[in-house]
C-alpha atoms as a PDB file:
ATOM      1  CA  MET A   1       7.856  72.853 318.139  1.00  0.00           C
ATOM      2  CA  ARG A   2       7.911  69.195 319.063  1.00  0.00           C
ATOM      3  CA  ASP A   3       9.877  66.743 316.938  1.00  0.00           C
ATOM      4  CA  ILE A   4       7.599  65.976 313.999  1.00  0.00           C
ATOM      5  CA  VAL A   5       8.346  62.248 314.344  1.00  0.00           C
ATOM      6  CA  SER A   6       6.701  62.150 317.763  1.00  0.00           C
ATOM      7  CA  CYS A   7       3.465  63.650 316.506  1.00  0.00           C
ATOM      8  CA  PHE A   8       2.085  60.736 314.487  1.00  0.00           C
ATOM      9  CA  SER A   9       0.889  57.222 315.287  1.00  0.00           C
ATOM     10  CA  GLU A  10       0.413  54.227 313.014  1.00  0.00           C
ATOM     11  CA  ASN A  11      -3.315  54.196 313.821  1.00  0.00           C
ATOM     12  CA  ALA A  12      -3.771  57.464 311.937  1.00  0.00           C
ATOM     13  CA  VAL A  13      -2.709  56.153 308.527  1.00  0.00           C
ATOM     14  CA  GLY A  14      -5.267  56.331 305.730  1.00  0.00           C
ATOM     15  CA  VAL A  15      -4.477  55.079 302.220  1.00  0.00           C
ATOM     16  CA  SER A  16      -6.045  56.654 299.169  1.00  0.00           C
ATOM     17  CA  PRO A  17      -6.731  54.205 296.309  1.00  0.00           C
ATOM     18  CA  SER A  18      -5.241  56.625 293.800  1.00  0.00           C
ATOM     19  CA  THR A  19      -3.736  60.049 293.760  1.00  0.00           C
ATOM     20  CA  CYS A  20      -6.987  61.934 293.226  1.00  0.00           C
ATOM     21  CA  SER A  21      -9.851  59.532 293.830  1.00  0.00           C
ATOM     22  CA  SER A  22     -10.377  60.401 297.505  1.00  0.00           C
ATOM     23  CA  TYR A  23     -11.906  63.745 296.604  1.00  0.00           C
ATOM     24  CA  SER A  24     -13.714  65.230 293.679  1.00  0.00           C
ATOM     25  CA  ASN A  25     -11.615  66.597 290.842  1.00  0.00           C
ATOM     26  CA  ASN A  26     -11.865  70.148 292.075  1.00  0.00           C
ATOM     27  CA  ALA A  27      -9.959  72.690 290.092  1.00  0.00           C
ATOM     28  CA  CYS A  28      -7.055  74.290 291.857  1.00  0.00           C
ATOM     29  CA  ILE A  29      -7.464  77.529 293.757  1.00  0.00           C
ATOM     30  CA  SER A  30      -7.938  80.946 292.262  1.00  0.00           C
ATOM     31  CA  PRO A  31      -5.028  82.034 290.041  1.00  0.00           C
ATOM     32  CA  THR A  32      -5.211  85.513 291.579  1.00  0.00           C
ATOM     33  CA  LEU A  33      -3.734  84.270 294.879  1.00  0.00           C
ATOM     34  CA  ILE A  34       0.041  84.686 295.093  1.00  0.00           C
ATOM     35  CA  PRO A  35       2.066  81.754 296.525  1.00  0.00           C
ATOM     36  CA  SER A  36       4.494  82.238 299.362  1.00  0.00           C
ATOM     37  CA  VAL A  37       8.143  82.970 298.503  1.00  0.00           C
ATOM     38  CA  ARG A  38      10.934  80.379 298.798  1.00  0.00           C
ATOM     39  CA  ASN A  39      13.937  81.821 300.629  1.00  0.00           C
ATOM     40  CA  ALA A  40      16.077  78.678 300.748  1.00  0.00           C
ATOM     41  CA  VAL A  41      16.206  75.242 299.110  1.00  0.00           C
ATOM     42  CA  ILE A  42      18.434  72.498 300.549  1.00  0.00           C
ATOM     43  CA  CYS A  43      18.864  69.302 298.518  1.00  0.00           C
ATOM     44  CA  LEU A  44      20.579  66.156 299.791  1.00  0.00           C
ATOM     45  CA  TYR A  45      22.018  63.769 297.182  1.00  0.00           C
ATOM     46  CA  LYS A  46      23.448  60.288 297.616  1.00  0.00           C
ATOM     47  CA  THR A  47      26.233  59.487 295.173  1.00  0.00           C
ATOM     48  CA  THR A  48      27.950  56.148 294.574  1.00  0.00           C
ATOM     49  CA  LEU A  49      31.504  56.193 293.271  1.00  0.00           C
ATOM     50  CA  SER A  50      33.032  53.504 291.063  1.00  0.00           C
ATOM     51  CA  SER A  51      34.691  52.102 294.209  1.00  0.00           C
ATOM     52  CA  GLN A  52      31.123  51.557 295.572  1.00  0.00           C
ATOM     53  CA  LYS A  53      31.774  54.157 298.239  1.00  0.00           C
ATOM     54  CA  HIS A  54      28.642  56.118 299.179  1.00  0.00           C
ATOM     55  CA  LEU A  55      28.768  59.840 299.896  1.00  0.00           C
ATOM     56  CA  LEU A  56      26.136  62.426 300.763  1.00  0.00           C
ATOM     57  CA  ILE A  57      26.328  65.798 299.037  1.00  0.00           C
ATOM     58  CA  THR A  58      24.272  68.764 300.258  1.00  0.00           C
ATOM     59  CA  VAL A  59      23.518  71.604 297.865  1.00  0.00           C
ATOM     60  CA  ALA A  60      21.891  74.654 299.458  1.00  0.00           C
ATOM     61  CA  TRP A  61      20.488  77.598 297.512  1.00  0.00           C
ATOM     62  CA  SER A  62      19.514  80.734 299.414  1.00  0.00           C
ATOM     63  CA  ARG A  63      18.349  84.288 298.823  1.00  0.00           C
ATOM     64  CA  SER A  64      18.467  87.278 301.140  1.00  0.00           C
ATOM     65  CA  HIS A  65      18.910  91.044 301.014  1.00  0.00           C
ATOM     66  CA  MET A  66      22.614  90.351 300.336  1.00  0.00           C
ATOM     67  CA  GLY A  67      21.890  88.367 297.171  1.00  0.00           C
ATOM     68  CA  GLN A  68      21.886  84.767 295.938  1.00  0.00           C
ATOM     69  CA  GLY A  69      23.859  82.099 297.798  1.00  0.00           C
ATOM     70  CA  LEU A  70      25.149  78.605 297.011  1.00  0.00           C
ATOM     71  CA  THR A  71      26.715  76.161 299.473  1.00  0.00           C
ATOM     72  CA  VAL A  72      28.009  72.669 298.604  1.00  0.00           C
ATOM     73  CA  THR A  73      28.972  70.299 301.441  1.00  0.00           C
ATOM     74  CA  ILE A  74      30.399  66.783 301.114  1.00  0.00           C
ATOM     75  CA  GLY A  75      29.360  64.438 303.936  1.00  0.00           C
ATOM     76  CA  ASP A  76      29.083  65.880 307.437  1.00  0.00           C
ATOM     77  CA  ASP A  77      32.567  67.392 307.563  1.00  0.00           C
ATOM     78  CA  PRO A  78      32.293  71.217 307.847  1.00  0.00           C
ATOM     79  CA  SER A  79      35.738  71.577 306.273  1.00  0.00           C
ATOM     80  CA  ALA A  80      34.465  69.830 303.117  1.00  0.00           C
ATOM     81  CA  SER A  81      32.270  72.776 302.263  1.00  0.00           C
ATOM     82  CA  PHE A  82      32.239  75.427 299.570  1.00  0.00           C
ATOM     83  CA  LYS A  83      30.211  78.630 299.876  1.00  0.00           C
ATOM     84  CA  LEU A  84      29.501  81.182 297.169  1.00  0.00           C
ATOM     85  CA  LEU A  85      27.617  84.422 297.729  1.00  0.00           C
ATOM     86  CA  ASN A  86      26.617  86.576 294.768  1.00  0.00           C
ATOM     87  CA  THR A  87      25.769  90.194 295.485  1.00  0.00           C
ATOM     88  CA  ASN A  88      25.758  93.417 293.567  1.00  0.00           C
ATOM     89  CA  SER A  89      29.277  94.156 294.771  1.00  0.00           C
ATOM     90  CA  ARG A  90      31.893  93.418 292.111  1.00  0.00           C
ATOM     91  CA  PHE A  91      34.399  92.513 294.827  1.00  0.00           C
ATOM     92  CA  VAL A  92      32.572  89.410 296.014  1.00  0.00           C
ATOM     93  CA  ARG A  93      30.679  88.423 292.888  1.00  0.00           C
ATOM     94  CA  LYS A  94      31.997  85.244 291.275  1.00  0.00           C
ATOM     95  CA  LYS A  95      29.348  83.609 289.164  1.00  0.00           C
ATOM     96  CA  LYS A  96      31.710  81.257 287.353  1.00  0.00           C
ATOM     97  CA  GLY A  97      34.742  79.345 288.587  1.00  0.00           C
ATOM     98  CA  ASN A  98      36.026  76.324 290.463  1.00  0.00           C
ATOM     99  CA  LYS A  99      37.148  75.482 293.998  1.00  0.00           C
ATOM    100  CA  VAL A 100      39.424  72.690 295.261  1.00  0.00           C
ATOM    101  CA  ILE A 101      38.721  71.142 298.686  1.00  0.00           C
ATOM    102  CA  GLU A 102      40.942  68.612 300.447  1.00  0.00           C
ATOM    103  CA  SER A 103      39.206  66.710 303.235  1.00  0.00           C
ATOM    104  CA  ALA A 104      39.094  63.220 304.810  1.00  0.00           C
ATOM    105  CA  ASN A 105      41.433  61.720 302.214  1.00  0.00           C
ATOM    106  CA  LEU A 106      39.217  63.041 299.431  1.00  0.00           C
ATOM    107  CA  HIS A 107      40.175  65.404 296.659  1.00  0.00           C
ATOM    108  CA  ILE A 108      37.075  67.452 295.838  1.00  0.00           C
ATOM    109  CA  GLU A 109      36.671  70.013 293.094  1.00  0.00           C
ATOM    110  CA  VAL A 110      33.527  72.071 292.496  1.00  0.00           C
ATOM    111  CA  PHE A 111      32.881  73.757 289.139  1.00  0.00           C
ATOM    112  CA  TRP A 112      30.010  76.196 288.641  1.00  0.00           C
ATOM    113  CA  ASP A 113      28.639  78.697 286.155  1.00  0.00           C
ATOM    114  CA  LEU A 114      25.750  80.939 287.209  1.00  0.00           C
ATOM    115  CA  SER A 115      26.674  83.794 284.867  1.00  0.00           C
ATOM    116  CA  ASN A 116      23.482  83.571 282.809  1.00  0.00           C
ATOM    117  CA  ALA A 117      21.366  81.554 285.227  1.00  0.00           C
ATOM    118  CA  LYS A 118      17.636  82.137 285.089  1.00  0.00           C
ATOM    119  CA  TYR A 119      15.475  81.932 288.185  1.00  0.00           C
ATOM    120  CA  ASP A 120      11.798  81.352 288.771  1.00  0.00           C
ATOM    121  CA  SER A 121      10.284  82.494 292.064  1.00  0.00           C
ATOM    122  CA  GLY A 122      12.922  81.001 294.352  1.00  0.00           C
ATOM    123  CA  PRO A 123      16.684  81.013 294.991  1.00  0.00           C
ATOM    124  CA  GLU A 124      17.318  77.899 292.881  1.00  0.00           C
ATOM    125  CA  PRO A 125      18.191  78.469 289.186  1.00  0.00           C
ATOM    126  CA  VAL A 126      15.986  76.715 286.645  1.00  0.00           C
ATOM    127  CA  GLU A 127      18.046  76.951 283.460  1.00  0.00           C
ATOM    128  CA  GLU A 128      21.288  78.117 281.810  1.00  0.00           C
ATOM    129  CA  PHE A 129      23.581  77.022 284.636  1.00  0.00           C
ATOM    130  CA  TYR A 130      25.635  74.101 285.870  1.00  0.00           C
ATOM    131  CA  VAL A 131      27.211  72.802 289.073  1.00  0.00           C
ATOM    132  CA  LEU A 132      29.689  69.905 288.907  1.00  0.00           C
ATOM    133  CA  VAL A 133      31.215  68.066 291.865  1.00  0.00           C
ATOM    134  CA  MET A 134      34.326  65.969 291.188  1.00  0.00           C
ATOM    135  CA  ILE A 135      35.501  63.509 293.869  1.00  0.00           C
ATOM    136  CA  ASP A 136      38.928  61.949 293.409  1.00  0.00           C
ATOM    137  CA  ALA A 137      38.819  62.871 289.704  1.00  0.00           C
ATOM    138  CA  GLU A 138      35.424  61.176 289.320  1.00  0.00           C
ATOM    139  CA  LEU A 139      32.175  62.971 288.535  1.00  0.00           C
ATOM    140  CA  GLY A 140      29.997  62.622 291.634  1.00  0.00           C
ATOM    141  CA  LEU A 141      27.198  65.105 290.968  1.00  0.00           C
ATOM    142  CA  PHE A 142      26.034  67.343 288.152  1.00  0.00           C
ATOM    143  CA  LEU A 143      23.175  69.843 288.164  1.00  0.00           C
ATOM    144  CA  GLY A 144      21.772  72.157 285.520  1.00  0.00           C
ATOM    145  CA  ASP A 145      20.859  72.097 281.859  1.00  0.00           C
ATOM    146  CA  MET A 146      24.408  73.129 280.862  1.00  0.00           C
ATOM    147  CA  ALA A 147      26.100  70.258 282.733  1.00  0.00           C
ATOM    148  CA  GLU A 148      26.587  68.011 279.708  1.00  0.00           C
ATOM    149  CA  GLU A 149      28.166  70.811 277.681  1.00  0.00           C
ATOM    150  CA  ALA A 150      30.437  71.720 280.598  1.00  0.00           C
ATOM    151  CA  VAL A 151      31.622  68.118 281.018  1.00  0.00           C
ATOM    152  CA  ALA A 152      32.321  67.831 277.289  1.00  0.00           C
ATOM    153  CA  LYS A 153      34.459  70.983 277.343  1.00  0.00           C
ATOM    154  CA  LYS A 154      36.339  70.303 280.552  1.00  0.00           C
ATOM    155  CA  PHE A 155      36.872  66.569 280.347  1.00  0.00           C
ATOM    156  CA  LYS A 156      36.581  65.915 276.586  1.00  0.00           C
ATOM    157  CA  THR A 157      33.633  63.583 277.038  1.00  0.00           C
ATOM    158  CA  GLY A 158      29.879  63.965 276.804  1.00  0.00           C
ATOM    159  CA  ASN A 159      29.247  61.054 279.127  1.00  0.00           C
ATOM    160  CA  LEU A 160      27.595  62.154 282.372  1.00  0.00           C
ATOM    161  CA  ALA A 161      28.461  58.890 284.114  1.00  0.00           C
ATOM    162  CA  ALA A 162      27.613  59.799 287.695  1.00  0.00           C
ATOM    163  CA  LYS A 163      25.407  57.615 289.858  1.00  0.00           C
ATOM    164  CA  PHE A 164      23.434  59.756 292.287  1.00  0.00           C
ATOM    165  CA  SER A 165      19.879  60.199 293.569  1.00  0.00           C
ATOM    166  CA  LEU A 166      17.996  62.976 295.307  1.00  0.00           C
ATOM    167  CA  VAL A 167      17.300  61.803 298.861  1.00  0.00           C
ATOM    168  CA  SER A 168      15.566  64.857 300.307  1.00  0.00           C
ATOM    169  CA  ARG A 169      14.559  68.380 299.458  1.00  0.00           C
ATOM    170  CA  ARG A 170      13.861  71.038 302.079  1.00  0.00           C
ATOM    171  CA  GLU A 171      12.243  74.359 301.285  1.00  0.00           C
ATOM    172  CA  HIS A 172      11.942  77.395 303.561  1.00  0.00           C
ATOM    173  CA  CYS A 173       9.079  79.697 302.634  1.00  0.00           C
ATOM    174  CA  SER A 174       7.631  82.932 303.962  1.00  0.00           C
ATOM    175  CA  GLY A 175       4.691  85.163 303.186  1.00  0.00           C
ATOM    176  CA  ASN A 176       1.081  84.062 302.992  1.00  0.00           C
ATOM    177  CA  THR A 177      -0.300  80.558 303.597  1.00  0.00           C
ATOM    178  CA  LEU A 178      -0.210  79.333 300.003  1.00  0.00           C
ATOM    179  CA  TYR A 179       2.752  77.141 299.030  1.00  0.00           C
ATOM    180  CA  SER A 180       3.545  75.947 295.522  1.00  0.00           C
ATOM    181  CA  THR A 181       6.380  73.622 294.506  1.00  0.00           C
ATOM    182  CA  LYS A 182       7.291  70.603 292.373  1.00  0.00           C
ATOM    183  CA  ALA A 183       8.434  67.122 293.364  1.00  0.00           C
ATOM    184  CA  GLN A 184       9.516  63.884 291.686  1.00  0.00           C
ATOM    185  CA  PHE A 185       8.873  61.010 294.084  1.00  0.00           C
ATOM    186  CA  SER A 186      11.073  58.520 292.209  1.00  0.00           C
ATOM    187  CA  ASP A 187      13.835  58.644 289.608  1.00  0.00           C
ATOM    188  CA  THR A 188      11.504  57.134 287.015  1.00  0.00           C
ATOM    189  CA  GLY A 189       8.392  59.081 288.008  1.00  0.00           C
ATOM    190  CA  ILE A 190       7.053  62.328 286.558  1.00  0.00           C
ATOM    191  CA  VAL A 191       7.479  65.760 288.113  1.00  0.00           C
ATOM    192  CA  HIS A 192       4.321  66.715 290.000  1.00  0.00           C
ATOM    193  CA  ASP A 193       2.967  70.163 290.797  1.00  0.00           C
ATOM    194  CA  ILE A 194       2.216  70.389 294.519  1.00  0.00           C
ATOM    195  CA  LEU A 195       0.151  73.121 296.117  1.00  0.00           C
ATOM    196  CA  ILE A 196      -0.711  73.553 299.801  1.00  0.00           C
ATOM    197  CA  ARG A 197      -3.372  76.022 300.852  1.00  0.00           C
ATOM    198  CA  CYS A 198      -4.299  76.998 304.391  1.00  0.00           C
ATOM    199  CA  SER A 199      -7.578  78.916 304.413  1.00  0.00           C
ATOM    200  CA  SER A 200      -8.641  81.234 307.217  1.00  0.00           C
ATOM    201  CA  GLU A 201     -11.679  83.037 308.586  1.00  0.00           C
ATOM    202  CA  ASN A 202     -10.487  86.199 306.847  1.00  0.00           C
ATOM    203  CA  GLU A 203     -11.199  84.508 303.502  1.00  0.00           C
ATOM    204  CA  GLY A 204     -14.805  83.801 304.429  1.00  0.00           C
ATOM    205  CA  PHE A 205     -14.297  80.312 305.882  1.00  0.00           C
ATOM    206  CA  ARG A 206     -15.985  79.423 309.146  1.00  0.00           C
ATOM    207  CA  HIS A 207     -12.915  77.572 310.447  1.00  0.00           C
ATOM    208  CA  PRO A 208      -9.269  77.448 309.299  1.00  0.00           C
ATOM    209  CA  GLY A 209      -8.641  74.533 306.935  1.00  0.00           C
ATOM    210  CA  LEU A 210      -5.874  72.803 305.012  1.00  0.00           C
ATOM    211  CA  SER A 211      -6.030  71.558 301.412  1.00  0.00           C
ATOM    212  CA  VAL A 212      -3.322  69.770 299.419  1.00  0.00           C
ATOM    213  CA  TYR A 213      -3.373  69.506 295.630  1.00  0.00           C
ATOM    214  CA  ILE A 214      -1.251  67.387 293.309  1.00  0.00           C
ATOM    215  CA  ASP A 215      -1.400  68.304 289.629  1.00  0.00           C
ATOM    216  CA  LYS A 216      -4.372  70.628 290.324  1.00  0.00           C
ATOM    217  CA  LYS A 217      -6.465  67.905 291.968  1.00  0.00           C
ATOM    218  CA  MET A 218      -7.226  67.764 295.655  1.00  0.00           C
ATOM    219  CA  VAL A 219      -5.718  64.763 297.471  1.00  0.00           C
ATOM    220  CA  MET A 220      -6.287  65.839 301.065  1.00  0.00           C
ATOM    221  CA  ARG A 221      -8.477  68.226 303.018  1.00  0.00           C
ATOM    222  CA  VAL A 222      -8.423  68.973 306.736  1.00  0.00           C
ATOM    223  CA  LYS A 223     -11.307  70.850 308.320  1.00  0.00           C
ATOM    224  CA  ARG A 224     -11.060  72.676 311.638  1.00  0.00           C
ATOM    225  CA  LEU A 225      -7.298  72.922 311.335  1.00  0.00           C
ATOM    226  CA  GLN A 226      -6.964  74.582 314.732  1.00  0.00           C
ATOM    227  CA  TRP A 227      -8.139  71.320 316.320  1.00  0.00           C
ATOM    228  CA  ASN A 228      -6.355  69.030 313.842  1.00  0.00           C
ATOM    229  CA  PHE A 229      -3.073  70.924 313.771  1.00  0.00           C
ATOM    230  CA  ARG A 230      -1.008  67.718 313.507  1.00  0.00           C
ATOM    231  CA  GLY A 231      -1.751  64.633 311.467  1.00  0.00           C
ATOM    232  CA  ASN A 232      -0.932  62.424 308.528  1.00  0.00           C
ATOM    233  CA  GLN A 233      -2.496  60.707 305.565  1.00  0.00           C
ATOM    234  CA  THR A 234      -1.090  58.340 302.972  1.00  0.00           C
ATOM    235  CA  ILE A 235      -1.601  58.803 299.246  1.00  0.00           C
ATOM    236  CA  PHE A 236      -0.714  56.488 296.365  1.00  0.00           C
ATOM    237  CA  THR A 237       1.043  57.943 293.344  1.00  0.00           C
ATOM    238  CA  ASP A 238       3.576  56.747 290.749  1.00  0.00           C
ATOM    239  CA  GLY A 239       3.187  53.238 292.154  1.00  0.00           C
ATOM    240  CA  LEU A 240       4.408  54.418 295.559  1.00  0.00           C
ATOM    241  CA  LEU A 241       2.941  54.978 298.985  1.00  0.00           C
ATOM    242  CA  VAL A 242       3.654  58.551 300.044  1.00  0.00           C
ATOM    243  CA  ASP A 243       3.112  59.634 303.643  1.00  0.00           C
ATOM    244  CA  LEU A 244       1.836  63.200 303.841  1.00  0.00           C
ATOM    245  CA  MET A 245       2.257  64.823 307.258  1.00  0.00           C
ATOM    246  CA  TRP A 246       1.578  68.269 308.636  1.00  0.00           C
ATOM    247  CA  ASP A 247       2.283  70.208 311.835  1.00  0.00           C
ATOM    248  CA  VAL A 248       0.878  73.742 312.061  1.00  0.00           C
ATOM    249  CA  HIS A 249       0.849  73.902 315.875  1.00  0.00           C
ATOM    250  CA  ASP A 250       3.014  77.021 316.072  1.00  0.00           C
ATOM    251  CA  TRP A 251       0.763  79.004 313.767  1.00  0.00           C
ATOM    252  CA  PHE A 252      -1.944  78.843 316.406  1.00  0.00           C
ATOM    253  CA  PHE A 253      -0.119  78.431 319.709  1.00  0.00           C
ATOM    254  CA  ASN A 254       3.345  79.916 319.178  1.00  0.00           C
ATOM    255  CA  PRO A 255       2.862  82.806 316.779  1.00  0.00           C
ATOM    256  CA  ALA A 256       6.238  84.331 317.709  1.00  0.00           C
ATOM    257  CA  SER A 257       7.867  81.406 315.864  1.00  0.00           C
ATOM    258  CA  GLY A 258       5.064  80.892 313.403  1.00  0.00           C
ATOM    259  CA  TYR A 259       6.592  77.968 311.480  1.00  0.00           C
ATOM    260  CA  ALA A 260       4.590  75.096 310.072  1.00  0.00           C
ATOM    261  CA  VAL A 261       6.077  71.879 308.688  1.00  0.00           C
ATOM    262  CA  PHE A 262       4.698  69.834 305.797  1.00  0.00           C
ATOM    263  CA  MET A 263       6.333  66.564 304.776  1.00  0.00           C
ATOM    264  CA  PHE A 264       5.954  64.177 301.844  1.00  0.00           C
ATOM    265  CA  ARG A 265       7.910  60.942 302.256  1.00  0.00           C
ATOM    266  CA  THR A 266       7.900  57.817 300.094  1.00  0.00           C
ATOM    267  CA  ARG A 267       7.403  54.556 301.955  1.00  0.00           C
ATOM    268  CA  SER A 268       9.695  51.561 301.477  1.00  0.00           C
ATOM    269  CA  GLY A 269       6.951  48.920 301.464  1.00  0.00           C
ATOM    270  CA  PHE A 270       3.236  48.216 301.473  1.00  0.00           C
ATOM    271  CA  ASP A 271       2.961  47.369 305.157  1.00  0.00           C
ATOM    272  CA  SER A 272       0.840  49.346 307.595  1.00  0.00           C
ATOM    273  CA  ARG A 273       3.614  51.167 309.390  1.00  0.00           C
ATOM    274  CA  LEU A 274       4.719  54.725 308.880  1.00  0.00           C
ATOM    275  CA  TRP A 275       8.255  55.062 307.551  1.00  0.00           C
ATOM    276  CA  LEU A 276       9.359  56.796 310.747  1.00  0.00           C
ATOM    277  CA  GLU A 277       8.406  53.746 312.866  1.00  0.00           C
ATOM    278  CA  GLU A 278      10.161  51.141 310.733  1.00  0.00           C
ATOM    279  CA  LYS A 279      13.346  49.474 311.895  1.00  0.00           C
ATOM    280  CA  MET A 280      15.887  49.859 309.154  1.00  0.00           C
ATOM    281  CA  ASP A 281      17.864  46.800 308.092  1.00  0.00           C
ATOM    282  CA  GLN A 282      20.620  46.743 305.502  1.00  0.00           C
ATOM    283  CA  LYS A 283      18.205  45.947 302.702  1.00  0.00           C
ATOM    284  CA  ASP A 284      16.086  48.979 303.591  1.00  0.00           C
ATOM    285  CA  GLN A 285      19.141  51.213 303.722  1.00  0.00           C
ATOM    286  CA  ASP A 286      20.026  50.266 300.154  1.00  0.00           C
ATOM    287  CA  ARG A 287      16.712  51.650 298.912  1.00  0.00           C
ATOM    288  CA  ILE A 288      16.646  55.254 297.740  1.00  0.00           C
ATOM    289  CA  GLU A 289      13.661  56.954 299.323  1.00  0.00           C
ATOM    290  CA  PHE A 290      12.669  60.577 298.903  1.00  0.00           C
ATOM    291  CA  SER A 291      11.304  63.198 301.255  1.00  0.00           C
ATOM    292  CA  LEU A 292      10.105  66.740 300.665  1.00  0.00           C
ATOM    293  CA  LEU A 293       9.895  69.081 303.664  1.00  0.00           C
ATOM    294  CA  ILE A 294       8.384  72.544 303.584  1.00  0.00           C
ATOM    295  CA  TYR A 295       9.080  74.914 306.472  1.00  0.00           C
ATOM    296  CA  ALA A 296       6.488  77.661 306.185  1.00  0.00           C
ATOM    297  CA  SER A 297       6.370  81.023 307.904  1.00  0.00           C
ATOM    298  CA  LYS A 298       3.299  83.272 307.734  1.00  0.00           C
ATOM    299  CA  SER A 299       5.423  86.408 307.961  1.00  0.00           C
ATOM    300  CA  PRO A 300       7.982  87.748 305.444  1.00  0.00           C
END
């Protein structure tokens, strides 16, 4: 597959006046259709320490025939990485504990508790868990509904004073061509339900098509998807411009690979350029933008 950045031009941008006004308020698709399964979720966080030092922390959740997996990486140093694999074997199962990592003049400690974690349809827990990342004795990242309680017990304080933001979220899915997820496009925005449906001739449609829904309302529709296998549109939601891009080339022309890519990316300004064509200056780099990428396979 070609680099997704090379597939779009600024002349293709269309801006919707509001999240749902471009199309009629169609109800979402039939509830009898089963969404594809998420096999991996990779989240990239940007944390700012009290020294004003910026660090990137990657948290990857995965699921395979071996069990659930968790990997935490600080920066781009492979040695600053912690990997946990939970399986049914009592010899390698460790659902609660801590790990110390020394790397690049940083003292890193990861605390986690997945003992009673509850999962939805993917590899990422949704409640009754926590993951804490300490950097030089300072809280750099906390995840989970039990994080505040864990901090209070371990550090005798209930103050979750960590400054971090979610920069990107990447999901790997497999199964059919229906993808369901959630996304929060800004720290102050609401969590939106996102659904992507790719229809086919087998479902009674004359030509393959692509529909995207946000909060059960259609915001984009592509007809004759086999001809329009790459493209982009811009929607407006939560006071932000969000570029929505798709590339399903391999579904039609490289079925051995079979991966499609869908991207939602907030834009830094109200100019006419796509985010991927902007020249970043220091002011732009200080902004926290968000991107959601979905890598979709039609096969299990």
